[in-house]
Amino acid sequence: MRRGMDGLAALVQTALTENPFSGHVFLFRGRRGDLIKVLWWSGDGLCLFAKRLERGRFVWPQAASGSVSLSGAQLSMLLEGIDWRRPERTWQPSQAA
């Protein structure tokens, strides 16, 4: 997960054979499963979003072909740390500090 937007865009082109400037959203998960990076083209530039869960892991879909298509609702739940297969929060903090 050391790659930035240029490295991830190159990975989209080479490994997935997709166009990173197509407007699609591309997600990458860290090895431990608690870090996710989202790459997308907003029309005038590449955007990179990163999120790390303090506790728990992102529920990652099984990919037989290297890529998976998610609905908007599934993507939203995945980014919130909710198991999108069973909509239920995996963990919620009890106190701030």
PDB file of N, CA and C in Angstrom:
ATOM      1  N   MET A   1       0.829  -1.197   0.000  1.00  0.00           N
ATOM      2  CA  MET A   1       0.000   0.000   0.000  1.00  0.00           C
ATOM      3  C   MET A   1       0.868   1.253   0.000  1.00  0.00           C
ATOM      4  N   ARG A   2       2.045   1.143  -0.501  1.00  0.00           N
ATOM      5  CA  ARG A   2       2.922   2.308  -0.594  1.00  0.00           C
ATOM      6  C   ARG A   2       2.724   3.091  -1.871  1.00  0.00           C
ATOM      7  N   ARG A   3       1.941   2.580  -2.781  1.00  0.00           N
ATOM      8  CA  ARG A   3       1.754   3.247  -4.064  1.00  0.00           C
ATOM      9  C   ARG A   3       0.825   4.445  -3.924  1.00  0.00           C
ATOM     10  N   GLY A   4       1.158   5.472  -4.685  1.00  0.00           N
ATOM     11  CA  GLY A   4       0.315   6.658  -4.765  1.00  0.00           C
ATOM     12  C   GLY A   4      -0.602   6.561  -5.968  1.00  0.00           C
ATOM     13  N   MET A   5      -1.147   7.701  -6.370  1.00  0.00           N
ATOM     14  CA  MET A   5      -2.113   7.665  -7.463  1.00  0.00           C
ATOM     15  C   MET A   5      -1.497   7.257  -8.792  1.00  0.00           C
ATOM     16  N   ASP A   6      -0.252   7.650  -9.055  1.00  0.00           N
ATOM     17  CA  ASP A   6       0.380   7.264 -10.320  1.00  0.00           C
ATOM     18  C   ASP A   6       0.655   5.765 -10.357  1.00  0.00           C
ATOM     19  N   GLY A   7       1.167   5.212  -9.259  1.00  0.00           N
ATOM     20  CA  GLY A   7       1.433   3.780  -9.198  1.00  0.00           C
ATOM     21  C   GLY A   7       0.168   2.945  -9.276  1.00  0.00           C
ATOM     22  N   LEU A   8      -0.886   3.396  -8.623  1.00  0.00           N
ATOM     23  CA  LEU A   8      -2.156   2.665  -8.672  1.00  0.00           C
ATOM     24  C   LEU A   8      -2.796   2.771 -10.053  1.00  0.00           C
ATOM     25  N   ALA A   9      -2.683   3.943 -10.703  1.00  0.00           N
ATOM     26  CA  ALA A   9      -3.210   4.095 -12.060  1.00  0.00           C
ATOM     27  C   ALA A   9      -2.468   3.172 -13.020  1.00  0.00           C
ATOM     28  N   ALA A  10      -1.149   3.044 -12.844  1.00  0.00           N
ATOM     29  CA  ALA A  10      -0.372   2.122 -13.680  1.00  0.00           C
ATOM     30  C   ALA A  10      -0.783   0.686 -13.413  1.00  0.00           C
ATOM     31  N   LEU A  11      -1.075   0.347 -12.164  1.00  0.00           N
ATOM     32  CA  LEU A  11      -1.531  -0.999 -11.813  1.00  0.00           C
ATOM     33  C   LEU A  11      -2.888  -1.299 -12.450  1.00  0.00           C
ATOM     34  N   VAL A  12      -3.772  -0.312 -12.482  1.00  0.00           N
ATOM     35  CA  VAL A  12      -5.073  -0.486 -13.130  1.00  0.00           C
ATOM     36  C   VAL A  12      -4.875  -0.793 -14.608  1.00  0.00           C
ATOM     37  N   GLN A  13      -3.952  -0.066 -15.254  1.00  0.00           N
ATOM     38  CA  GLN A  13      -3.710  -0.272 -16.682  1.00  0.00           C
ATOM     39  C   GLN A  13      -3.059  -1.620 -16.966  1.00  0.00           C
ATOM     40  N   THR A  14      -2.065  -2.002 -16.183  1.00  0.00           N
ATOM     41  CA  THR A  14      -1.310  -3.222 -16.489  1.00  0.00           C
ATOM     42  C   THR A  14      -1.986  -4.482 -15.966  1.00  0.00           C
ATOM     43  N   ALA A  15      -2.326  -4.529 -14.692  1.00  0.00           N
ATOM     44  CA  ALA A  15      -2.865  -5.752 -14.094  1.00  0.00           C
ATOM     45  C   ALA A  15      -4.339  -5.977 -14.437  1.00  0.00           C
ATOM     46  N   LEU A  16      -5.123  -4.912 -14.423  1.00  0.00           N
ATOM     47  CA  LEU A  16      -6.560  -5.052 -14.681  1.00  0.00           C
ATOM     48  C   LEU A  16      -6.943  -4.787 -16.129  1.00  0.00           C
ATOM     49  N   THR A  17      -5.994  -4.257 -16.926  1.00  0.00           N
ATOM     50  CA  THR A  17      -6.229  -3.844 -18.323  1.00  0.00           C
ATOM     51  C   THR A  17      -7.478  -2.979 -18.452  1.00  0.00           C
ATOM     52  N   GLU A  18      -7.589  -2.018 -17.550  1.00  0.00           N
ATOM     53  CA  GLU A  18      -8.687  -1.057 -17.557  1.00  0.00           C
ATOM     54  C   GLU A  18      -8.110   0.343 -17.728  1.00  0.00           C
ATOM     55  N   ASN A  19      -8.959   1.284 -18.094  1.00  0.00           N
ATOM     56  CA  ASN A  19      -8.557   2.675 -18.240  1.00  0.00           C
ATOM     57  C   ASN A  19      -8.837   3.408 -16.924  1.00  0.00           C
ATOM     58  N   PRO A  20      -7.797   3.880 -16.235  1.00  0.00           N
ATOM     59  CA  PRO A  20      -8.037   4.565 -14.956  1.00  0.00           C
ATOM     60  C   PRO A  20      -8.751   5.903 -15.122  1.00  0.00           C
ATOM     61  N   PHE A  21      -8.831   6.407 -16.351  1.00  0.00           N
ATOM     62  CA  PHE A  21      -9.489   7.690 -16.626  1.00  0.00           C
ATOM     63  C   PHE A  21     -10.900   7.503 -17.164  1.00  0.00           C
ATOM     64  N   SER A  22     -11.478   6.323 -16.944  1.00  0.00           N
ATOM     65  CA  SER A  22     -12.812   6.017 -17.469  1.00  0.00           C
ATOM     66  C   SER A  22     -13.932   6.551 -16.586  1.00  0.00           C
ATOM     67  N   GLY A  23     -13.610   6.945 -15.355  1.00  0.00           N
ATOM     68  CA  GLY A  23     -14.650   7.378 -14.429  1.00  0.00           C
ATOM     69  C   GLY A  23     -15.074   6.280 -13.471  1.00  0.00           C
ATOM     70  N   HIS A  24     -14.588   5.062 -13.677  1.00  0.00           N
ATOM     71  CA  HIS A  24     -14.877   3.977 -12.748  1.00  0.00           C
ATOM     72  C   HIS A  24     -14.093   4.189 -11.460  1.00  0.00           C
ATOM     73  N   VAL A  25     -14.570   3.576 -10.401  1.00  0.00           N
ATOM     74  CA  VAL A  25     -13.909   3.649  -9.097  1.00  0.00           C
ATOM     75  C   VAL A  25     -13.127   2.358  -8.907  1.00  0.00           C
ATOM     76  N   PHE A  26     -11.850   2.475  -8.558  1.00  0.00           N
ATOM     77  CA  PHE A  26     -10.988   1.314  -8.346  1.00  0.00           C
ATOM     78  C   PHE A  26     -10.572   1.283  -6.888  1.00  0.00           C
ATOM     79  N   LEU A  27     -10.769   0.136  -6.245  1.00  0.00           N
ATOM     80  CA  LEU A  27     -10.436  -0.027  -4.829  1.00  0.00           C
ATOM     81  C   LEU A  27      -9.275  -0.994  -4.662  1.00  0.00           C
ATOM     82  N   PHE A  28      -8.417  -0.678  -3.711  1.00  0.00           N
ATOM     83  CA  PHE A  28      -7.269  -1.518  -3.382  1.00  0.00           C
ATOM     84  C   PHE A  28      -7.244  -1.686  -1.875  1.00  0.00           C
ATOM     85  N   ARG A  29      -7.041  -2.928  -1.431  1.00  0.00           N
ATOM     86  CA  ARG A  29      -7.021  -3.212  -0.003  1.00  0.00           C
ATOM     87  C   ARG A  29      -5.627  -3.629   0.430  1.00  0.00           C
ATOM     88  N   GLY A  30      -5.228  -3.204   1.605  1.00  0.00           N
ATOM     89  CA  GLY A  30      -3.945  -3.585   2.153  1.00  0.00           C
ATOM     90  C   GLY A  30      -3.920  -5.051   2.548  1.00  0.00           C
ATOM     91  N   ARG A  31      -2.744  -5.573   2.773  1.00  0.00           N
ATOM     92  CA  ARG A  31      -2.557  -6.998   3.093  1.00  0.00           C
ATOM     93  C   ARG A  31      -3.295  -7.400   4.365  1.00  0.00           C
ATOM     94  N   ARG A  32      -3.263  -6.536   5.377  1.00  0.00           N
ATOM     95  CA  ARG A  32      -3.938  -6.858   6.644  1.00  0.00           C
ATOM     96  C   ARG A  32      -5.450  -6.690   6.557  1.00  0.00           C
ATOM     97  N   GLY A  33      -5.927  -5.943   5.581  1.00  0.00           N
ATOM     98  CA  GLY A  33      -7.361  -5.767   5.408  1.00  0.00           C
ATOM     99  C   GLY A  33      -7.949  -4.582   6.133  1.00  0.00           C
ATOM    100  N   ASP A  34      -7.121  -3.788   6.836  1.00  0.00           N
ATOM    101  CA  ASP A  34      -7.663  -2.647   7.569  1.00  0.00           C
ATOM    102  C   ASP A  34      -7.457  -1.325   6.837  1.00  0.00           C
ATOM    103  N   LEU A  35      -6.797  -1.344   5.689  1.00  0.00           N
ATOM    104  CA  LEU A  35      -6.529  -0.136   4.911  1.00  0.00           C
ATOM    105  C   LEU A  35      -7.065  -0.315   3.499  1.00  0.00           C
ATOM    106  N   ILE A  36      -7.703   0.725   3.005  1.00  0.00           N
ATOM    107  CA  ILE A  36      -8.256   0.684   1.653  1.00  0.00           C
ATOM    108  C   ILE A  36      -7.916   2.000   0.960  1.00  0.00           C
ATOM    109  N   LYS A  37      -7.624   1.917  -0.329  1.00  0.00           N
ATOM    110  CA  LYS A  37      -7.397   3.103  -1.152  1.00  0.00           C
ATOM    111  C   LYS A  37      -8.362   3.062  -2.319  1.00  0.00           C
ATOM    112  N   VAL A  38      -8.934   4.216  -2.629  1.00  0.00           N
ATOM    113  CA  VAL A  38      -9.903   4.351  -3.707  1.00  0.00           C
ATOM    114  C   VAL A  38      -9.339   5.333  -4.721  1.00  0.00           C
ATOM    115  N   LEU A  39      -9.311   4.931  -5.978  1.00  0.00           N
ATOM    116  CA  LEU A  39      -8.798   5.762  -7.065  1.00  0.00           C
ATOM    117  C   LEU A  39      -9.917   5.999  -8.065  1.00  0.00           C
ATOM    118  N   TRP A  40     -10.126   7.240  -8.440  1.00  0.00           N
ATOM    119  CA  TRP A  40     -11.117   7.538  -9.483  1.00  0.00           C
ATOM    120  C   TRP A  40     -10.740   8.819 -10.200  1.00  0.00           C
ATOM    121  N   TRP A  41     -11.259   8.948 -11.410  1.00  0.00           N
ATOM    122  CA  TRP A  41     -11.052  10.111 -12.259  1.00  0.00           C
ATOM    123  C   TRP A  41     -12.285  10.990 -12.126  1.00  0.00           C
ATOM    124  N   SER A  42     -12.094  12.227 -11.677  1.00  0.00           N
ATOM    125  CA  SER A  42     -13.232  13.111 -11.437  1.00  0.00           C
ATOM    126  C   SER A  42     -13.612  13.937 -12.657  1.00  0.00           C
ATOM    127  N   GLY A  43     -12.910  13.759 -13.752  1.00  0.00           N
ATOM    128  CA  GLY A  43     -13.205  14.525 -14.957  1.00  0.00           C
ATOM    129  C   GLY A  43     -12.113  15.525 -15.270  1.00  0.00           C
ATOM    130  N   ASP A  44     -11.442  16.007 -14.230  1.00  0.00           N
ATOM    131  CA  ASP A  44     -10.347  16.954 -14.455  1.00  0.00           C
ATOM    132  C   ASP A  44      -9.070  16.559 -13.713  1.00  0.00           C
ATOM    133  N   GLY A  45      -9.090  15.404 -13.028  1.00  0.00           N
ATOM    134  CA  GLY A  45      -7.895  14.933 -12.335  1.00  0.00           C
ATOM    135  C   GLY A  45      -8.160  13.645 -11.580  1.00  0.00           C
ATOM    136  N   LEU A  46      -7.080  12.942 -11.268  1.00  0.00           N
ATOM    137  CA  LEU A  46      -7.193  11.719 -10.473  1.00  0.00           C
ATOM    138  C   LEU A  46      -7.367  12.076  -9.010  1.00  0.00           C
ATOM    139  N   CYS A  47      -8.214  11.332  -8.326  1.00  0.00           N
ATOM    140  CA  CYS A  47      -8.441  11.520  -6.896  1.00  0.00           C
ATOM    141  C   CYS A  47      -8.063  10.232  -6.180  1.00  0.00           C
ATOM    142  N   LEU A  48      -7.457  10.382  -5.010  1.00  0.00           N
ATOM    143  CA  LEU A  48      -7.062   9.233  -4.206  1.00  0.00           C
ATOM    144  C   LEU A  48      -7.613   9.427  -2.806  1.00  0.00           C
ATOM    145  N   PHE A  49      -8.357   8.433  -2.341  1.00  0.00           N
ATOM    146  CA  PHE A  49      -8.957   8.446  -1.022  1.00  0.00           C
ATOM    147  C   PHE A  49      -8.401   7.255  -0.260  1.00  0.00           C
ATOM    148  N   ALA A  50      -7.974   7.459   0.959  1.00  0.00           N
ATOM    149  CA  ALA A  50      -7.460   6.367   1.781  1.00  0.00           C
ATOM    150  C   ALA A  50      -8.214   6.338   3.103  1.00  0.00           C
ATOM    151  N   LYS A  51      -8.499   5.124   3.586  1.00  0.00           N
ATOM    152  CA  LYS A  51      -9.191   4.979   4.862  1.00  0.00           C
ATOM    153  C   LYS A  51      -8.621   3.777   5.596  1.00  0.00           C
ATOM    154  N   ARG A  52      -8.349   3.959   6.884  1.00  0.00           N
ATOM    155  CA  ARG A  52      -7.876   2.871   7.730  1.00  0.00           C
ATOM    156  C   ARG A  52      -8.883   2.673   8.855  1.00  0.00           C
ATOM    157  N   LEU A  53      -9.313   1.454   9.041  1.00  0.00           N
ATOM    158  CA  LEU A  53     -10.211   1.142  10.147  1.00  0.00           C
ATOM    159  C   LEU A  53      -9.389   1.007  11.419  1.00  0.00           C
ATOM    160  N   GLU A  54      -9.856   1.589  12.494  1.00  0.00           N
ATOM    161  CA  GLU A  54      -9.164   1.468  13.772  1.00  0.00           C
ATOM    162  C   GLU A  54      -9.295   0.067  14.345  1.00  0.00           C
ATOM    163  N   ARG A  55     -10.389  -0.586  13.995  1.00  0.00           N
ATOM    164  CA  ARG A  55     -10.621  -1.937  14.487  1.00  0.00           C
ATOM    165  C   ARG A  55     -11.444  -2.685  13.442  1.00  0.00           C
ATOM    166  N   GLY A  56     -11.147  -3.930  13.236  1.00  0.00           N
ATOM    167  CA  GLY A  56     -11.876  -4.716  12.245  1.00  0.00           C
ATOM    168  C   GLY A  56     -11.190  -4.673  10.888  1.00  0.00           C
ATOM    169  N   ARG A  57     -11.818  -5.300   9.935  1.00  0.00           N
ATOM    170  CA  ARG A  57     -11.275  -5.376   8.581  1.00  0.00           C
ATOM    171  C   ARG A  57     -12.370  -5.068   7.574  1.00  0.00           C
ATOM    172  N   PHE A  58     -11.942  -4.587   6.410  1.00  0.00           N
ATOM    173  CA  PHE A  58     -12.872  -4.399   5.308  1.00  0.00           C
ATOM    174  C   PHE A  58     -13.248  -5.773   4.761  1.00  0.00           C
ATOM    175  N   VAL A  59     -14.538  -5.995   4.547  1.00  0.00           N
ATOM    176  CA  VAL A  59     -15.011  -7.251   3.980  1.00  0.00           C
ATOM    177  C   VAL A  59     -14.806  -7.170   2.485  1.00  0.00           C
ATOM    178  N   TRP A  60     -13.919  -8.023   1.978  1.00  0.00           N
ATOM    179  CA  TRP A  60     -13.500  -7.950   0.585  1.00  0.00           C
ATOM    180  C   TRP A  60     -14.175  -9.044  -0.220  1.00  0.00           C
ATOM    181  N   PRO A  61     -14.733  -8.704  -1.394  1.00  0.00           N
ATOM    182  CA  PRO A  61     -15.388  -9.723  -2.221  1.00  0.00           C
ATOM    183  C   PRO A  61     -14.369 -10.679  -2.855  1.00  0.00           C
ATOM    184  N   GLN A  62     -14.803 -11.898  -3.130  1.00  0.00           N
ATOM    185  CA  GLN A  62     -13.960 -12.873  -3.812  1.00  0.00           C
ATOM    186  C   GLN A  62     -13.937 -12.543  -5.301  1.00  0.00           C
ATOM    187  N   ALA A  63     -12.735 -12.437  -5.868  1.00  0.00           N
ATOM    188  CA  ALA A  63     -12.592 -12.097  -7.277  1.00  0.00           C
ATOM    189  C   ALA A  63     -11.985 -13.276  -8.022  1.00  0.00           C
ATOM    190  N   ALA A  64     -12.763 -13.888  -8.895  1.00  0.00           N
ATOM    191  CA  ALA A  64     -12.256 -15.012  -9.683  1.00  0.00           C
ATOM    192  C   ALA A  64     -11.457 -14.511 -10.882  1.00  0.00           C
ATOM    193  N   SER A  65     -11.837 -13.347 -11.421  1.00  0.00           N
ATOM    194  CA  SER A  65     -11.188 -12.845 -12.636  1.00  0.00           C
ATOM    195  C   SER A  65     -10.242 -11.680 -12.377  1.00  0.00           C
ATOM    196  N   GLY A  66     -10.057 -11.267 -11.144  1.00  0.00           N
ATOM    197  CA  GLY A  66      -9.183 -10.139 -10.847  1.00  0.00           C
ATOM    198  C   GLY A  66      -9.939  -8.864 -10.552  1.00  0.00           C
ATOM    199  N   SER A  67     -11.195  -8.781 -10.971  1.00  0.00           N
ATOM    200  CA  SER A  67     -11.994  -7.595 -10.682  1.00  0.00           C
ATOM    201  C   SER A  67     -13.418  -8.012 -10.331  1.00  0.00           C
ATOM    202  N   VAL A  68     -14.076  -7.157  -9.562  1.00  0.00           N
ATOM    203  CA  VAL A  68     -15.445  -7.407  -9.110  1.00  0.00           C
ATOM    204  C   VAL A  68     -16.230  -6.119  -9.282  1.00  0.00           C
ATOM    205  N   SER A  69     -17.480  -6.218  -9.669  1.00  0.00           N
ATOM    206  CA  SER A  69     -18.361  -5.054  -9.769  1.00  0.00           C
ATOM    207  C   SER A  69     -19.259  -5.013  -8.548  1.00  0.00           C
ATOM    208  N   LEU A  70     -19.324  -3.845  -7.909  1.00  0.00           N
ATOM    209  CA  LEU A  70     -20.187  -3.646  -6.750  1.00  0.00           C
ATOM    210  C   LEU A  70     -21.227  -2.582  -7.075  1.00  0.00           C
ATOM    211  N   SER A  71     -22.389  -2.698  -6.459  1.00  0.00           N
ATOM    212  CA  SER A  71     -23.401  -1.652  -6.596  1.00  0.00           C
ATOM    213  C   SER A  71     -22.987  -0.464  -5.726  1.00  0.00           C
ATOM    214  N   GLY A  72     -23.635   0.652  -5.903  1.00  0.00           N
ATOM    215  CA  GLY A  72     -23.348   1.830  -5.089  1.00  0.00           C
ATOM    216  C   GLY A  72     -23.590   1.579  -3.610  1.00  0.00           C
ATOM    217  N   ALA A  73     -24.652   0.846  -3.296  1.00  0.00           N
ATOM    218  CA  ALA A  73     -24.968   0.533  -1.899  1.00  0.00           C
ATOM    219  C   ALA A  73     -23.907  -0.388  -1.301  1.00  0.00           C
ATOM    220  N   GLN A  74     -23.450  -1.391  -2.058  1.00  0.00           N
ATOM    221  CA  GLN A  74     -22.413  -2.292  -1.565  1.00  0.00           C
ATOM    222  C   GLN A  74     -21.103  -1.538  -1.338  1.00  0.00           C
ATOM    223  N   LEU A  75     -20.748  -0.653  -2.260  1.00  0.00           N
ATOM    224  CA  LEU A  75     -19.536   0.156  -2.116  1.00  0.00           C
ATOM    225  C   LEU A  75     -19.622   1.037  -0.883  1.00  0.00           C
ATOM    226  N   SER A  76     -20.760   1.655  -0.676  1.00  0.00           N
ATOM    227  CA  SER A  76     -20.956   2.511   0.490  1.00  0.00           C
ATOM    228  C   SER A  76     -20.793   1.732   1.788  1.00  0.00           C
ATOM    229  N   MET A  77     -21.383   0.544   1.851  1.00  0.00           N
ATOM    230  CA  MET A  77     -21.253  -0.276   3.059  1.00  0.00           C
ATOM    231  C   MET A  77     -19.820  -0.752   3.247  1.00  0.00           C
ATOM    232  N   LEU A  78     -19.142  -1.130   2.160  1.00  0.00           N
ATOM    233  CA  LEU A  78     -17.751  -1.564   2.259  1.00  0.00           C
ATOM    234  C   LEU A  78     -16.886  -0.449   2.833  1.00  0.00           C
ATOM    235  N   LEU A  79     -17.073   0.789   2.353  1.00  0.00           N
ATOM    236  CA  LEU A  79     -16.284   1.926   2.827  1.00  0.00           C
ATOM    237  C   LEU A  79     -16.602   2.290   4.271  1.00  0.00           C
ATOM    238  N   GLU A  80     -17.794   1.960   4.749  1.00  0.00           N
ATOM    239  CA  GLU A  80     -18.166   2.232   6.132  1.00  0.00           C
ATOM    240  C   GLU A  80     -17.718   1.138   7.084  1.00  0.00           C
ATOM    241  N   GLY A  81     -17.134   0.069   6.551  1.00  0.00           N
ATOM    242  CA  GLY A  81     -16.699  -1.029   7.406  1.00  0.00           C
ATOM    243  C   GLY A  81     -17.811  -1.986   7.761  1.00  0.00           C
ATOM    244  N   ILE A  82     -18.891  -1.948   7.010  1.00  0.00           N
ATOM    245  CA  ILE A  82     -20.044  -2.820   7.244  1.00  0.00           C
ATOM    246  C   ILE A  82     -19.911  -4.040   6.338  1.00  0.00           C
ATOM    247  N   ASP A  83     -20.204  -5.202   6.851  1.00  0.00           N
ATOM    248  CA  ASP A  83     -20.203  -6.406   6.031  1.00  0.00           C
ATOM    249  C   ASP A  83     -21.362  -6.279   5.049  1.00  0.00           C
ATOM    250  N   TRP A  84     -21.056  -5.989   3.793  1.00  0.00           N
ATOM    251  CA  TRP A  84     -22.090  -5.720   2.792  1.00  0.00           C
ATOM    252  C   TRP A  84     -22.854  -6.985   2.410  1.00  0.00           C
ATOM    253  N   ARG A  85     -22.344  -8.159   2.816  1.00  0.00           N
ATOM    254  CA  ARG A  85     -23.094  -9.391   2.569  1.00  0.00           C
ATOM    255  C   ARG A  85     -24.200  -9.556   3.599  1.00  0.00           C
ATOM    256  N   ARG A  86     -23.952  -9.061   4.837  1.00  0.00           N
ATOM    257  CA  ARG A  86     -24.935  -9.038   5.928  1.00  0.00           C
ATOM    258  C   ARG A  86     -24.853  -7.636   6.523  1.00  0.00           C
ATOM    259  N   PRO A  87     -25.719  -6.718   6.126  1.00  0.00           N
ATOM    260  CA  PRO A  87     -25.592  -5.328   6.570  1.00  0.00           C
ATOM    261  C   PRO A  87     -25.672  -5.167   8.085  1.00  0.00           C
ATOM    262  N   GLU A  88     -24.503  -5.177   8.720  1.00  0.00           N
ATOM    263  CA  GLU A  88     -24.401  -5.024  10.164  1.00  0.00           C
ATOM    264  C   GLU A  88     -23.013  -4.472  10.453  1.00  0.00           C
ATOM    265  N   ARG A  89     -22.912  -3.452  11.289  1.00  0.00           N
ATOM    266  CA  ARG A  89     -21.601  -2.882  11.605  1.00  0.00           C
ATOM    267  C   ARG A  89     -20.715  -3.931  12.257  1.00  0.00           C
ATOM    268  N   THR A  90     -19.434  -3.957  11.833  1.00  0.00           N
ATOM    269  CA  THR A  90     -18.506  -4.928  12.402  1.00  0.00           C
ATOM    270  C   THR A  90     -17.984  -4.474  13.758  1.00  0.00           C
ATOM    271  N   TRP A  91     -17.904  -3.143  13.995  1.00  0.00           N
ATOM    272  CA  TRP A  91     -17.424  -2.612  15.256  1.00  0.00           C
ATOM    273  C   TRP A  91     -17.774  -1.142  15.315  1.00  0.00           C
ATOM    274  N   GLN A  92     -18.114  -0.656  16.489  1.00  0.00           N
ATOM    275  CA  GLN A  92     -18.411   0.743  16.696  1.00  0.00           C
ATOM    276  C   GLN A  92     -17.714   1.178  17.982  1.00  0.00           C
ATOM    277  N   PRO A  93     -16.995   2.309  17.959  1.00  0.00           N
ATOM    278  CA  PRO A  93     -16.286   2.729  19.161  1.00  0.00           C
ATOM    279  C   PRO A  93     -17.251   3.053  20.297  1.00  0.00           C
ATOM    280  N   SER A  94     -16.816   2.788  21.530  1.00  0.00           N
ATOM    281  CA  SER A  94     -17.669   3.045  22.686  1.00  0.00           C
ATOM    282  C   SER A  94     -17.390   4.406  23.307  1.00  0.00           C
ATOM    283  N   GLN A  95     -16.144   4.894  23.179  1.00  0.00           N
ATOM    284  CA  GLN A  95     -15.812   6.209  23.718  1.00  0.00           C
ATOM    285  C   GLN A  95     -14.696   6.837  22.891  1.00  0.00           C
ATOM    286  N   ALA A  96     -14.596   8.152  22.934  1.00  0.00           N
ATOM    287  CA  ALA A  96     -13.662   8.890  22.077  1.00  0.00           C
ATOM    288  C   ALA A  96     -12.230   8.765  22.546  1.00  0.00           C
ATOM    289  N   ALA A  97     -11.982   8.826  23.824  1.00  0.00           N
ATOM    290  CA  ALA A  97     -10.583   8.776  24.261  1.00  0.00           C
ATOM    291  C   ALA A  97     -10.387   7.882  25.440  1.00  0.00           C
TER     292      ALA A  97
END
